[in-house]
Amino acid sequence: MLLKALLVHGATWGKAGARLDEAFGPAGRDWQRHRDNISRFLGYGRPEINRVLDCTAERATLFAFGDIEQDTQDEFDIPLPPSIEGSTEARRLTMTMAWLTPVNARHQQYRSATLELLPGGDKGYSLAVERASGQPTHYAINRGTLFHCIFEGESAVAFLDGGILRLRVACRAQTGALDDRVPYAVAISLETGVGSGIAVYDEVRAAVQPAVRATAGAVGG
């Protein structure tokens, strides 16, 4: 599941999405159908594996994996870089989740489990970001077993939730009772523009390391 999530984590529509957007004409009130038509050609876009293999000073990528039961939630707290608070520097939040669902061949929806990746605190993720336009709609995302969404923004904002990005993974059944646990993986990237001078990688790494050492000590003991 982690490999599946990381393969698509760097994907964007890019120039191909812009060309198809022009070819299909103005979206207007039909923006959802307009984007769904582009999705049929491009899916989540072309993977950029280098964005997953290597971070930059302005980008940090974290990942987690596990399994979850029906009608339960897993919560994740991700430290935000202090230098972003109050900054008007353009920023991007990329969230990807992949899961493996049991199937019910007798049911129209076929997939027995659906997972959602939701904000655990404020809806702006303490970053004043909104969904970027050049990507599949949330309706298209909900049809499969892969969630990939990009958020962007540049407004100054004060951190909420103590400077923590809180996320929830929720599991629900859609073809009757779900007896099996559902394996999943999550990848999260936070970045600012190259040359912004904000040390996103170092600040996130410094905040995460104490928790990693504590976990390693507990396991070793």
N, C-alpha and C. Protein backbone atom coordinates (compact mmCIF):
# COMPACT_ATOMS: atom_id res chain seq x y z
N MET A 1 0.82 -1.20 0.00
CA MET A 1 0.00 0.00 0.00
C MET A 1 0.86 1.26 0.00
N LEU A 2 1.97 1.19 0.71
CA LEU A 2 2.85 2.35 0.75
C LEU A 2 3.45 2.64 -0.63
N LEU A 3 3.87 1.60 -1.34
CA LEU A 3 4.40 1.79 -2.69
C LEU A 3 3.34 2.38 -3.61
N LYS A 4 2.12 1.90 -3.47
CA LYS A 4 1.03 2.41 -4.30
C LYS A 4 0.79 3.90 -4.03
N ALA A 5 0.81 4.28 -2.76
CA ALA A 5 0.60 5.68 -2.41
C ALA A 5 1.75 6.56 -2.90
N LEU A 6 2.99 6.09 -2.73
CA LEU A 6 4.14 6.90 -3.11
C LEU A 6 4.27 7.04 -4.63
N LEU A 7 3.83 6.02 -5.38
CA LEU A 7 3.90 6.11 -6.84
C LEU A 7 3.08 7.27 -7.38
N VAL A 8 1.95 7.52 -6.75
CA VAL A 8 1.07 8.58 -7.26
C VAL A 8 1.25 9.89 -6.51
N HIS A 9 2.04 9.88 -5.43
CA HIS A 9 2.11 11.05 -4.56
C HIS A 9 2.64 12.29 -5.27
N GLY A 10 3.54 12.13 -6.23
CA GLY A 10 4.06 13.27 -6.96
C GLY A 10 3.33 13.60 -8.24
N ALA A 11 2.21 12.94 -8.50
CA ALA A 11 1.51 13.10 -9.78
C ALA A 11 0.72 14.41 -9.84
N THR A 12 0.74 15.04 -11.00
CA THR A 12 -0.08 16.23 -11.29
C THR A 12 -0.54 16.17 -12.75
N TRP A 13 -1.57 16.94 -13.07
CA TRP A 13 -2.01 17.03 -14.46
C TRP A 13 -1.01 17.78 -15.32
N GLY A 14 -0.40 18.79 -14.77
CA GLY A 14 0.63 19.53 -15.49
C GLY A 14 0.14 20.17 -16.79
N LYS A 15 1.02 20.24 -17.78
CA LYS A 15 0.71 20.88 -19.06
C LYS A 15 -0.37 20.13 -19.82
N ALA A 16 -0.39 18.80 -19.69
CA ALA A 16 -1.41 18.01 -20.39
C ALA A 16 -2.80 18.39 -19.90
N GLY A 17 -2.93 18.61 -18.59
CA GLY A 17 -4.23 19.02 -18.04
C GLY A 17 -4.65 20.38 -18.56
N ALA A 18 -3.70 21.30 -18.68
CA ALA A 18 -4.02 22.64 -19.20
C ALA A 18 -4.48 22.58 -20.66
N ARG A 19 -3.84 21.72 -21.45
CA ARG A 19 -4.23 21.59 -22.86
C ARG A 19 -5.62 20.98 -23.00
N LEU A 20 -5.91 19.95 -22.21
CA LEU A 20 -7.23 19.34 -22.27
C LEU A 20 -8.29 20.31 -21.76
N ASP A 21 -7.93 21.11 -20.79
CA ASP A 21 -8.86 22.10 -20.26
C ASP A 21 -9.26 23.09 -21.36
N GLU A 22 -8.30 23.50 -22.15
CA GLU A 22 -8.59 24.40 -23.27
C GLU A 22 -9.39 23.69 -24.35
N ALA A 23 -9.05 22.42 -24.62
CA ALA A 23 -9.72 21.68 -25.69
C ALA A 23 -11.19 21.45 -25.39
N PHE A 24 -11.51 21.23 -24.09
CA PHE A 24 -12.91 20.97 -23.72
C PHE A 24 -13.72 22.25 -23.60
N GLY A 25 -13.06 23.41 -23.63
CA GLY A 25 -13.79 24.67 -23.59
C GLY A 25 -14.12 25.09 -22.18
N PRO A 26 -14.80 26.24 -22.05
CA PRO A 26 -15.11 26.79 -20.72
C PRO A 26 -15.92 25.81 -19.88
N ALA A 27 -15.55 25.74 -18.60
CA ALA A 27 -16.25 24.80 -17.72
C ALA A 27 -17.61 25.34 -17.28
N GLY A 28 -17.65 26.63 -16.88
CA GLY A 28 -18.90 27.25 -16.45
C GLY A 28 -19.56 26.47 -15.33
N ARG A 29 -20.86 26.29 -15.44
CA ARG A 29 -21.60 25.57 -14.40
C ARG A 29 -21.30 24.08 -14.43
N ASP A 30 -20.77 23.61 -15.54
CA ASP A 30 -20.48 22.18 -15.70
C ASP A 30 -19.05 21.84 -15.30
N TRP A 31 -18.49 22.58 -14.34
CA TRP A 31 -17.08 22.41 -14.00
C TRP A 31 -16.78 20.99 -13.54
N GLN A 32 -17.73 20.36 -12.82
CA GLN A 32 -17.49 19.01 -12.31
C GLN A 32 -17.37 18.01 -13.46
N ARG A 33 -18.30 18.07 -14.40
CA ARG A 33 -18.25 17.18 -15.55
C ARG A 33 -17.02 17.47 -16.39
N HIS A 34 -16.66 18.75 -16.48
CA HIS A 34 -15.49 19.19 -17.23
C HIS A 34 -14.22 18.52 -16.68
N ARG A 35 -14.05 18.57 -15.36
CA ARG A 35 -12.87 17.97 -14.74
C ARG A 35 -12.92 16.44 -14.79
N ASP A 36 -14.12 15.88 -14.70
CA ASP A 36 -14.25 14.42 -14.80
C ASP A 36 -13.81 13.93 -16.18
N ASN A 37 -14.11 14.72 -17.22
CA ASN A 37 -13.68 14.35 -18.58
C ASN A 37 -12.16 14.35 -18.69
N ILE A 38 -11.50 15.33 -18.07
CA ILE A 38 -10.04 15.36 -18.07
C ILE A 38 -9.49 14.16 -17.30
N SER A 39 -10.15 13.83 -16.19
CA SER A 39 -9.71 12.69 -15.37
C SER A 39 -9.74 11.39 -16.15
N ARG A 40 -10.68 11.25 -17.06
CA ARG A 40 -10.77 10.02 -17.86
C ARG A 40 -9.55 9.82 -18.73
N PHE A 41 -8.93 10.92 -19.12
CA PHE A 41 -7.70 10.84 -19.92
C PHE A 41 -6.45 10.71 -19.06
N LEU A 42 -6.41 11.45 -17.94
CA LEU A 42 -5.16 11.60 -17.20
C LEU A 42 -5.15 10.93 -15.83
N GLY A 43 -6.31 10.55 -15.31
CA GLY A 43 -6.33 10.04 -13.95
C GLY A 43 -5.84 11.10 -12.99
N TYR A 44 -4.84 10.76 -12.17
CA TYR A 44 -4.24 11.75 -11.27
C TYR A 44 -3.08 12.48 -11.94
N GLY A 45 -2.72 12.09 -13.14
CA GLY A 45 -1.64 12.76 -13.83
C GLY A 45 -0.41 11.88 -13.96
N ARG A 46 0.66 12.48 -14.45
CA ARG A 46 1.91 11.76 -14.65
C ARG A 46 2.74 11.76 -13.36
N PRO A 47 3.16 10.58 -12.90
CA PRO A 47 3.96 10.52 -11.67
C PRO A 47 5.31 11.22 -11.84
N GLU A 48 5.73 11.90 -10.80
CA GLU A 48 7.07 12.48 -10.73
C GLU A 48 7.78 11.82 -9.56
N ILE A 49 8.44 10.71 -9.84
CA ILE A 49 9.03 9.88 -8.80
C ILE A 49 10.10 10.62 -8.01
N ASN A 50 10.83 11.53 -8.66
CA ASN A 50 11.89 12.27 -7.97
C ASN A 50 11.35 13.10 -6.81
N ARG A 51 10.09 13.53 -6.89
CA ARG A 51 9.50 14.31 -5.81
C ARG A 51 9.27 13.44 -4.58
N VAL A 52 9.21 12.14 -4.77
CA VAL A 52 9.00 11.21 -3.66
C VAL A 52 10.34 10.70 -3.11
N LEU A 53 11.29 10.46 -4.03
CA LEU A 53 12.58 9.90 -3.61
C LEU A 53 13.44 10.94 -2.89
N ASP A 54 13.36 12.19 -3.31
CA ASP A 54 14.23 13.23 -2.75
C ASP A 54 13.41 14.43 -2.30
N CYS A 55 13.73 14.92 -1.10
CA CYS A 55 13.13 16.16 -0.63
C CYS A 55 14.08 17.32 -0.93
N THR A 56 13.57 18.52 -0.83
CA THR A 56 14.39 19.72 -0.95
C THR A 56 14.35 20.45 0.38
N ALA A 57 15.11 21.52 0.49
CA ALA A 57 15.09 22.30 1.73
C ALA A 57 13.69 22.84 2.02
N GLU A 58 12.91 23.04 0.96
CA GLU A 58 11.57 23.64 1.11
C GLU A 58 10.46 22.60 1.10
N ARG A 59 10.79 21.31 1.10
CA ARG A 59 9.74 20.28 1.05
C ARG A 59 10.07 19.13 1.98
N ALA A 60 9.05 18.70 2.73
CA ALA A 60 9.19 17.53 3.60
C ALA A 60 8.05 16.56 3.29
N THR A 61 8.38 15.28 3.23
CA THR A 61 7.38 14.24 2.98
C THR A 61 7.41 13.24 4.13
N LEU A 62 6.24 12.95 4.67
CA LEU A 62 6.11 11.97 5.74
C LEU A 62 5.11 10.91 5.30
N PHE A 63 5.25 9.71 5.84
CA PHE A 63 4.29 8.65 5.50
C PHE A 63 4.03 7.77 6.71
N ALA A 64 2.89 7.08 6.66
CA ALA A 64 2.49 6.16 7.71
C ALA A 64 1.68 5.04 7.08
N PHE A 65 1.57 3.93 7.77
CA PHE A 65 0.76 2.82 7.26
C PHE A 65 0.20 2.02 8.43
N GLY A 66 -0.84 1.27 8.16
CA GLY A 66 -1.48 0.46 9.19
C GLY A 66 -2.69 -0.24 8.63
N ASP A 67 -3.60 -0.65 9.50
CA ASP A 67 -4.88 -1.21 9.06
C ASP A 67 -5.96 -0.72 10.00
N ILE A 68 -7.19 -0.73 9.53
CA ILE A 68 -8.28 -0.09 10.25
C ILE A 68 -9.56 -0.91 10.14
N GLU A 69 -10.41 -0.82 11.16
CA GLU A 69 -11.68 -1.54 11.18
C GLU A 69 -12.82 -0.62 10.75
N GLN A 70 -13.94 -1.25 10.44
CA GLN A 70 -15.15 -0.51 10.07
C GLN A 70 -15.57 0.42 11.20
N ASP A 71 -15.99 1.63 10.83
CA ASP A 71 -16.52 2.64 11.75
C ASP A 71 -15.52 3.05 12.84
N THR A 72 -14.25 3.03 12.51
CA THR A 72 -13.23 3.53 13.43
C THR A 72 -12.40 4.59 12.71
N GLN A 73 -11.55 5.28 13.48
CA GLN A 73 -10.70 6.31 12.92
C GLN A 73 -9.29 6.20 13.48
N ASP A 74 -8.31 6.46 12.64
CA ASP A 74 -6.93 6.64 13.08
C ASP A 74 -6.58 8.11 12.95
N GLU A 75 -5.87 8.65 13.90
CA GLU A 75 -5.51 10.07 13.89
C GLU A 75 -4.00 10.24 13.80
N PHE A 76 -3.60 11.27 13.06
CA PHE A 76 -2.18 11.57 12.89
C PHE A 76 -1.95 13.05 13.16
N ASP A 77 -0.91 13.35 13.92
CA ASP A 77 -0.51 14.73 14.20
C ASP A 77 0.83 15.00 13.51
N ILE A 78 0.84 15.98 12.62
CA ILE A 78 2.05 16.32 11.86
C ILE A 78 2.47 17.73 12.23
N PRO A 79 3.71 17.90 12.72
CA PRO A 79 4.16 19.24 13.11
C PRO A 79 4.34 20.14 11.90
N LEU A 80 3.88 21.37 12.02
CA LEU A 80 4.03 22.35 10.95
C LEU A 80 5.30 23.17 11.18
N PRO A 81 6.00 23.56 10.10
CA PRO A 81 7.21 24.37 10.25
C PRO A 81 6.87 25.73 10.85
N PRO A 82 7.49 26.11 11.96
CA PRO A 82 7.16 27.39 12.60
C PRO A 82 7.32 28.59 11.67
N SER A 83 8.27 28.53 10.73
CA SER A 83 8.54 29.68 9.87
C SER A 83 7.40 29.98 8.90
N ILE A 84 6.48 29.04 8.72
CA ILE A 84 5.36 29.27 7.81
C ILE A 84 4.28 30.13 8.46
N GLU A 85 4.20 30.07 9.79
CA GLU A 85 3.13 30.80 10.48
C GLU A 85 3.23 32.30 10.20
N GLY A 86 2.14 32.87 9.73
CA GLY A 86 2.10 34.29 9.42
C GLY A 86 2.75 34.67 8.11
N SER A 87 3.29 33.69 7.38
CA SER A 87 3.98 33.99 6.12
C SER A 87 2.98 34.04 4.96
N THR A 88 3.28 34.89 3.98
CA THR A 88 2.47 34.95 2.76
C THR A 88 3.14 34.20 1.61
N GLU A 89 4.16 33.40 1.93
CA GLU A 89 4.83 32.61 0.91
C GLU A 89 3.87 31.52 0.41
N ALA A 90 3.85 31.32 -0.92
CA ALA A 90 2.99 30.27 -1.49
C ALA A 90 3.38 28.92 -0.90
N ARG A 91 2.35 28.12 -0.56
CA ARG A 91 2.61 26.82 0.04
C ARG A 91 1.68 25.77 -0.57
N ARG A 92 2.12 24.54 -0.51
CA ARG A 92 1.34 23.44 -1.07
C ARG A 92 1.32 22.26 -0.09
N LEU A 93 0.15 21.69 0.07
CA LEU A 93 -0.03 20.49 0.88
C LEU A 93 -0.55 19.38 -0.03
N THR A 94 0.17 18.27 -0.12
CA THR A 94 -0.23 17.14 -0.96
C THR A 94 -0.51 15.95 -0.05
N MET A 95 -1.69 15.36 -0.19
CA MET A 95 -2.10 14.23 0.64
C MET A 95 -2.50 13.06 -0.26
N THR A 96 -1.94 11.90 0.02
CA THR A 96 -2.24 10.70 -0.76
C THR A 96 -2.51 9.55 0.19
N MET A 97 -3.53 8.77 -0.11
CA MET A 97 -3.83 7.58 0.68
C MET A 97 -4.25 6.44 -0.25
N ALA A 98 -3.69 5.27 -0.03
CA ALA A 98 -4.05 4.07 -0.80
C ALA A 98 -4.51 2.99 0.17
N TRP A 99 -5.47 2.20 -0.24
CA TRP A 99 -5.93 1.10 0.61
C TRP A 99 -6.32 -0.10 -0.24
N LEU A 100 -6.42 -1.24 0.41
CA LEU A 100 -6.78 -2.49 -0.25
C LEU A 100 -8.10 -2.96 0.34
N THR A 101 -9.14 -2.96 -0.47
CA THR A 101 -10.47 -3.28 0.05
C THR A 101 -10.89 -4.71 -0.26
N PRO A 102 -11.58 -5.36 0.68
CA PRO A 102 -12.27 -6.62 0.32
C PRO A 102 -13.34 -6.31 -0.72
N VAL A 103 -13.78 -7.31 -1.44
CA VAL A 103 -14.78 -7.10 -2.49
C VAL A 103 -16.01 -7.94 -2.22
N ASN A 104 -17.13 -7.47 -2.74
CA ASN A 104 -18.39 -8.20 -2.68
C ASN A 104 -18.92 -8.28 -4.10
N ALA A 105 -18.70 -9.41 -4.76
CA ALA A 105 -19.06 -9.58 -6.18
C ALA A 105 -20.57 -9.53 -6.41
N ARG A 106 -21.36 -9.69 -5.35
CA ARG A 106 -22.82 -9.67 -5.50
C ARG A 106 -23.42 -8.29 -5.33
N HIS A 107 -22.57 -7.32 -5.02
CA HIS A 107 -23.08 -5.97 -4.78
C HIS A 107 -22.68 -5.04 -5.92
N GLN A 108 -23.55 -4.09 -6.25
CA GLN A 108 -23.30 -3.18 -7.36
C GLN A 108 -22.04 -2.34 -7.15
N GLN A 109 -21.78 -1.93 -5.90
CA GLN A 109 -20.63 -1.09 -5.64
C GLN A 109 -19.33 -1.88 -5.57
N TYR A 110 -19.40 -3.18 -5.39
CA TYR A 110 -18.26 -4.10 -5.49
C TYR A 110 -17.25 -3.94 -4.36
N ARG A 111 -16.76 -2.73 -4.13
CA ARG A 111 -15.75 -2.51 -3.09
C ARG A 111 -16.44 -2.44 -1.73
N SER A 112 -15.97 -3.27 -0.81
CA SER A 112 -16.63 -3.37 0.50
C SER A 112 -16.26 -2.24 1.44
N ALA A 113 -15.08 -1.67 1.28
CA ALA A 113 -14.61 -0.65 2.22
C ALA A 113 -14.23 0.63 1.50
N THR A 114 -14.60 1.75 2.09
CA THR A 114 -14.15 3.04 1.58
C THR A 114 -13.49 3.80 2.71
N LEU A 115 -12.35 4.40 2.44
CA LEU A 115 -11.61 5.17 3.43
C LEU A 115 -11.62 6.65 3.05
N GLU A 116 -11.58 7.49 4.06
CA GLU A 116 -11.54 8.94 3.86
C GLU A 116 -10.39 9.53 4.66
N LEU A 117 -9.73 10.51 4.07
CA LEU A 117 -8.67 11.26 4.74
C LEU A 117 -9.21 12.66 4.99
N LEU A 118 -9.42 12.99 6.26
CA LEU A 118 -10.15 14.19 6.62
C LEU A 118 -9.34 15.05 7.58
N PRO A 119 -9.64 16.36 7.63
CA PRO A 119 -8.97 17.20 8.63
C PRO A 119 -9.43 16.84 10.03
N GLY A 120 -8.48 16.70 10.94
CA GLY A 120 -8.83 16.39 12.32
C GLY A 120 -9.02 17.64 13.15
N GLY A 121 -8.63 18.80 12.60
CA GLY A 121 -8.80 20.07 13.29
C GLY A 121 -9.52 21.05 12.38
N ASP A 122 -8.92 22.21 12.16
CA ASP A 122 -9.56 23.21 11.30
C ASP A 122 -9.49 22.78 9.83
N LYS A 123 -10.50 23.17 9.07
CA LYS A 123 -10.61 22.71 7.68
C LYS A 123 -9.54 23.31 6.78
N GLY A 124 -8.93 24.41 7.21
CA GLY A 124 -7.85 25.02 6.43
C GLY A 124 -6.50 24.43 6.75
N TYR A 125 -6.48 23.38 7.58
CA TYR A 125 -5.24 22.69 7.94
C TYR A 125 -4.21 23.63 8.56
N SER A 126 -4.67 24.73 9.19
CA SER A 126 -3.80 25.76 9.77
C SER A 126 -2.84 26.36 8.75
N LEU A 127 -3.14 26.22 7.48
CA LEU A 127 -2.24 26.69 6.42
C LEU A 127 -2.93 27.64 5.45
N ALA A 128 -4.23 27.90 5.65
CA ALA A 128 -4.99 28.76 4.74
C ALA A 128 -4.89 28.26 3.31
N VAL A 129 -5.09 26.97 3.10
CA VAL A 129 -5.00 26.39 1.76
C VAL A 129 -6.36 25.87 1.32
N GLU A 130 -6.56 25.81 0.01
CA GLU A 130 -7.78 25.27 -0.58
C GLU A 130 -7.41 24.30 -1.70
N ARG A 131 -8.34 23.46 -2.10
CA ARG A 131 -8.09 22.50 -3.17
C ARG A 131 -7.67 23.21 -4.44
N ALA A 132 -6.57 22.74 -5.05
CA ALA A 132 -6.14 23.26 -6.34
C ALA A 132 -7.14 22.83 -7.41
N SER A 133 -7.29 23.64 -8.44
CA SER A 133 -8.33 23.36 -9.44
C SER A 133 -7.93 22.28 -10.44
N GLY A 134 -6.66 22.16 -10.80
CA GLY A 134 -6.25 21.24 -11.86
C GLY A 134 -6.04 19.82 -11.38
N GLN A 135 -7.11 19.17 -10.92
CA GLN A 135 -7.04 17.80 -10.42
C GLN A 135 -8.46 17.22 -10.40
N PRO A 136 -8.58 15.89 -10.22
CA PRO A 136 -9.92 15.28 -10.19
C PRO A 136 -10.76 15.84 -9.06
N THR A 137 -12.07 15.83 -9.24
CA THR A 137 -12.98 16.27 -8.18
C THR A 137 -13.05 15.23 -7.08
N HIS A 138 -13.59 15.62 -5.93
CA HIS A 138 -13.72 14.66 -4.83
C HIS A 138 -14.72 13.56 -5.17
N TYR A 139 -15.62 13.81 -6.12
CA TYR A 139 -16.55 12.75 -6.55
C TYR A 139 -15.79 11.64 -7.27
N ALA A 140 -14.85 12.02 -8.12
CA ALA A 140 -14.06 11.03 -8.85
C ALA A 140 -13.16 10.25 -7.89
N ILE A 141 -12.58 10.95 -6.91
CA ILE A 141 -11.70 10.31 -5.95
C ILE A 141 -12.43 9.22 -5.18
N ASN A 142 -13.68 9.46 -4.83
CA ASN A 142 -14.43 8.52 -4.00
C ASN A 142 -14.82 7.24 -4.73
N ARG A 143 -14.51 7.14 -6.01
CA ARG A 143 -14.91 5.95 -6.76
C ARG A 143 -13.90 4.82 -6.69
N GLY A 144 -12.73 5.05 -6.14
CA GLY A 144 -11.68 4.03 -6.17
C GLY A 144 -11.09 3.75 -4.81
N THR A 145 -9.85 3.28 -4.80
CA THR A 145 -9.14 2.95 -3.57
C THR A 145 -7.85 3.76 -3.48
N LEU A 146 -7.90 4.97 -4.02
CA LEU A 146 -6.74 5.84 -4.00
C LEU A 146 -7.21 7.29 -3.89
N PHE A 147 -6.76 7.95 -2.83
CA PHE A 147 -7.09 9.35 -2.61
C PHE A 147 -5.82 10.16 -2.83
N HIS A 148 -5.91 11.18 -3.69
CA HIS A 148 -4.75 12.03 -3.96
C HIS A 148 -5.27 13.44 -4.19
N CYS A 149 -4.87 14.36 -3.33
CA CYS A 149 -5.43 15.71 -3.41
C CYS A 149 -4.36 16.74 -3.08
N ILE A 150 -4.38 17.84 -3.81
CA ILE A 150 -3.40 18.92 -3.65
C ILE A 150 -4.12 20.18 -3.19
N PHE A 151 -3.58 20.81 -2.15
CA PHE A 151 -4.12 22.06 -1.61
C PHE A 151 -3.05 23.13 -1.74
N GLU A 152 -3.47 24.35 -2.07
CA GLU A 152 -2.52 25.45 -2.24
C GLU A 152 -3.07 26.72 -1.60
N GLY A 153 -2.18 27.61 -1.23
CA GLY A 153 -2.59 28.89 -0.66
C GLY A 153 -1.38 29.75 -0.35
N GLU A 154 -1.62 31.03 -0.05
CA GLU A 154 -0.52 31.92 0.28
C GLU A 154 -0.91 33.00 1.29
N SER A 155 -2.12 32.92 1.82
CA SER A 155 -2.55 33.91 2.81
C SER A 155 -1.86 33.67 4.15
N ALA A 156 -1.55 34.74 4.84
CA ALA A 156 -0.96 34.63 6.17
C ALA A 156 -2.02 34.13 7.14
N VAL A 157 -1.61 33.26 8.04
CA VAL A 157 -2.56 32.69 9.00
C VAL A 157 -1.83 32.31 10.27
N ALA A 158 -2.52 32.43 11.39
CA ALA A 158 -1.96 31.97 12.67
C ALA A 158 -2.29 30.50 12.83
N PHE A 159 -1.33 29.71 13.29
CA PHE A 159 -1.54 28.28 13.47
C PHE A 159 -2.61 28.02 14.53
N LEU A 160 -3.41 27.00 14.28
CA LEU A 160 -4.36 26.49 15.26
C LEU A 160 -3.86 25.12 15.71
N ASP A 161 -4.52 24.54 16.70
CA ASP A 161 -4.19 23.20 17.19
C ASP A 161 -2.72 23.08 17.61
N GLY A 162 -2.16 24.18 18.15
CA GLY A 162 -0.80 24.13 18.65
C GLY A 162 0.25 23.92 17.58
N GLY A 163 0.00 24.38 16.35
CA GLY A 163 0.98 24.21 15.28
C GLY A 163 1.07 22.79 14.76
N ILE A 164 -0.02 22.06 14.89
CA ILE A 164 -0.08 20.66 14.45
C ILE A 164 -1.08 20.51 13.33
N LEU A 165 -0.69 19.82 12.27
CA LEU A 165 -1.61 19.44 11.20
C LEU A 165 -2.25 18.12 11.61
N ARG A 166 -3.53 18.15 11.93
CA ARG A 166 -4.24 16.97 12.40
C ARG A 166 -5.05 16.35 11.27
N LEU A 167 -4.85 15.04 11.07
CA LEU A 167 -5.56 14.30 10.02
C LEU A 167 -6.25 13.08 10.62
N ARG A 168 -7.38 12.71 10.00
CA ARG A 168 -8.12 11.52 10.42
C ARG A 168 -8.30 10.58 9.24
N VAL A 169 -8.04 9.31 9.45
CA VAL A 169 -8.38 8.27 8.47
C VAL A 169 -9.61 7.55 9.00
N ALA A 170 -10.70 7.61 8.24
CA ALA A 170 -11.96 7.00 8.66
C ALA A 170 -12.33 5.87 7.71
N CYS A 171 -12.89 4.81 8.26
CA CYS A 171 -13.27 3.64 7.47
C CYS A 171 -14.76 3.37 7.61
N ARG A 172 -15.42 3.14 6.49
CA ARG A 172 -16.83 2.74 6.53
C ARG A 172 -17.10 1.67 5.48
N ALA A 173 -18.09 0.86 5.75
CA ALA A 173 -18.48 -0.21 4.84
C ALA A 173 -19.52 0.32 3.85
N GLN A 174 -19.50 -0.20 2.63
CA GLN A 174 -20.49 0.24 1.65
C GLN A 174 -21.19 -0.92 0.95
N THR A 175 -20.92 -2.16 1.37
CA THR A 175 -21.64 -3.31 0.78
C THR A 175 -22.11 -4.26 1.88
N GLY A 176 -22.44 -3.70 3.06
CA GLY A 176 -22.82 -4.55 4.18
C GLY A 176 -21.72 -4.57 5.23
N ALA A 177 -21.86 -5.44 6.20
CA ALA A 177 -20.90 -5.52 7.30
C ALA A 177 -19.50 -5.83 6.78
N LEU A 178 -18.51 -5.18 7.38
CA LEU A 178 -17.12 -5.36 6.98
C LEU A 178 -16.39 -6.09 8.11
N ASP A 179 -16.04 -7.34 7.88
CA ASP A 179 -15.41 -8.15 8.92
C ASP A 179 -13.89 -8.03 8.93
N ASP A 180 -13.29 -7.71 7.80
CA ASP A 180 -11.84 -7.68 7.69
C ASP A 180 -11.28 -6.29 8.01
N ARG A 181 -10.08 -6.27 8.54
CA ARG A 181 -9.36 -5.01 8.70
C ARG A 181 -8.83 -4.58 7.33
N VAL A 182 -8.77 -3.28 7.11
CA VAL A 182 -8.39 -2.74 5.80
C VAL A 182 -6.99 -2.13 5.89
N PRO A 183 -6.00 -2.67 5.16
CA PRO A 183 -4.67 -2.08 5.15
C PRO A 183 -4.63 -0.80 4.33
N TYR A 184 -3.86 0.18 4.81
CA TYR A 184 -3.78 1.45 4.09
C TYR A 184 -2.41 2.08 4.34
N ALA A 185 -2.09 3.07 3.52
CA ALA A 185 -0.87 3.86 3.69
C ALA A 185 -1.18 5.31 3.33
N VAL A 186 -0.52 6.23 4.02
CA VAL A 186 -0.73 7.67 3.82
C VAL A 186 0.62 8.34 3.57
N ALA A 187 0.67 9.25 2.60
CA ALA A 187 1.86 10.07 2.34
C ALA A 187 1.44 11.54 2.35
N ILE A 188 2.18 12.36 3.08
CA ILE A 188 1.86 13.78 3.22
C ILE A 188 3.10 14.60 2.88
N SER A 189 2.96 15.57 2.00
CA SER A 189 4.07 16.49 1.68
C SER A 189 3.63 17.92 1.93
N LEU A 190 4.52 18.67 2.54
CA LEU A 190 4.30 20.10 2.76
C LEU A 190 5.49 20.83 2.15
N GLU A 191 5.20 21.87 1.36
CA GLU A 191 6.30 22.56 0.69
C GLU A 191 5.98 24.03 0.45
N THR A 192 7.04 24.80 0.28
CA THR A 192 6.94 26.18 -0.18
C THR A 192 7.75 26.28 -1.46
N GLY A 193 7.72 27.44 -2.11
CA GLY A 193 8.43 27.60 -3.37
C GLY A 193 9.93 27.46 -3.20
N VAL A 194 10.60 26.90 -4.21
CA VAL A 194 12.05 26.78 -4.18
C VAL A 194 12.66 28.18 -4.08
N GLY A 195 13.57 28.34 -3.14
CA GLY A 195 14.18 29.64 -2.93
C GLY A 195 13.43 30.54 -1.97
N SER A 196 12.40 30.00 -1.32
CA SER A 196 11.61 30.80 -0.38
C SER A 196 12.39 31.16 0.87
N GLY A 197 13.43 30.38 1.17
CA GLY A 197 14.21 30.63 2.38
C GLY A 197 13.61 30.01 3.62
N ILE A 198 12.49 29.29 3.47
CA ILE A 198 11.86 28.62 4.61
C ILE A 198 12.36 27.18 4.67
N ALA A 199 13.01 26.83 5.75
CA ALA A 199 13.63 25.50 5.88
C ALA A 199 12.59 24.47 6.33
N VAL A 200 11.66 24.16 5.44
CA VAL A 200 10.56 23.25 5.76
C VAL A 200 11.09 21.89 6.21
N TYR A 201 12.01 21.33 5.44
CA TYR A 201 12.52 19.98 5.74
C TYR A 201 13.18 19.93 7.12
N ASP A 202 14.08 20.87 7.38
CA ASP A 202 14.81 20.85 8.65
C ASP A 202 13.88 21.08 9.84
N GLU A 203 12.92 21.97 9.70
CA GLU A 203 12.03 22.28 10.82
C GLU A 203 11.08 21.11 11.12
N VAL A 204 10.57 20.46 10.08
CA VAL A 204 9.71 19.29 10.31
C VAL A 204 10.54 18.14 10.88
N ARG A 205 11.73 17.94 10.35
CA ARG A 205 12.60 16.87 10.83
C ARG A 205 12.95 17.06 12.31
N ALA A 206 13.26 18.28 12.70
CA ALA A 206 13.60 18.57 14.09
C ALA A 206 12.42 18.31 15.02
N ALA A 207 11.21 18.58 14.54
CA ALA A 207 10.02 18.36 15.37
C ALA A 207 9.65 16.88 15.47
N VAL A 208 9.95 16.12 14.41
CA VAL A 208 9.57 14.71 14.39
C VAL A 208 10.56 13.83 15.14
N GLN A 209 11.83 14.17 15.13
CA GLN A 209 12.87 13.31 15.70
C GLN A 209 12.65 12.92 17.15
N PRO A 210 12.24 13.82 18.06
CA PRO A 210 12.03 13.39 19.44
C PRO A 210 11.00 12.28 19.58
N ALA A 211 9.93 12.36 18.80
CA ALA A 211 8.91 11.31 18.86
C ALA A 211 9.43 9.99 18.31
N VAL A 212 10.28 10.07 17.27
CA VAL A 212 10.88 8.85 16.71
C VAL A 212 11.81 8.19 17.71
N ARG A 213 12.62 9.00 18.40
CA ARG A 213 13.55 8.46 19.40
C ARG A 213 12.79 7.83 20.56
N ALA A 214 11.69 8.47 20.98
CA ALA A 214 10.89 7.94 22.07
C ALA A 214 10.28 6.60 21.71
N THR A 215 9.79 6.49 20.47
CA THR A 215 9.19 5.24 20.01
C THR A 215 10.24 4.15 19.93
N ALA A 216 11.42 4.48 19.40
CA ALA A 216 12.50 3.50 19.28
C ALA A 216 12.94 3.02 20.67
N GLY A 217 12.98 3.95 21.65
CA GLY A 217 13.36 3.56 23.00
C GLY A 217 12.36 2.63 23.63
N ALA A 218 11.06 2.88 23.36
CA ALA A 218 10.02 2.02 23.91
C ALA A 218 10.09 0.63 23.32
N VAL A 219 10.37 0.56 22.01
CA VAL A 219 10.48 -0.74 21.36
C VAL A 219 11.71 -1.48 21.86
N GLY A 220 12.83 -0.75 21.97
CA GLY A 220 14.06 -1.38 22.43
C GLY A 220 13.97 -1.86 23.86
N GLY A 221 13.20 -1.13 24.70
CA GLY A 221 13.07 -1.54 26.10
C GLY A 221 12.18 -2.72 26.26
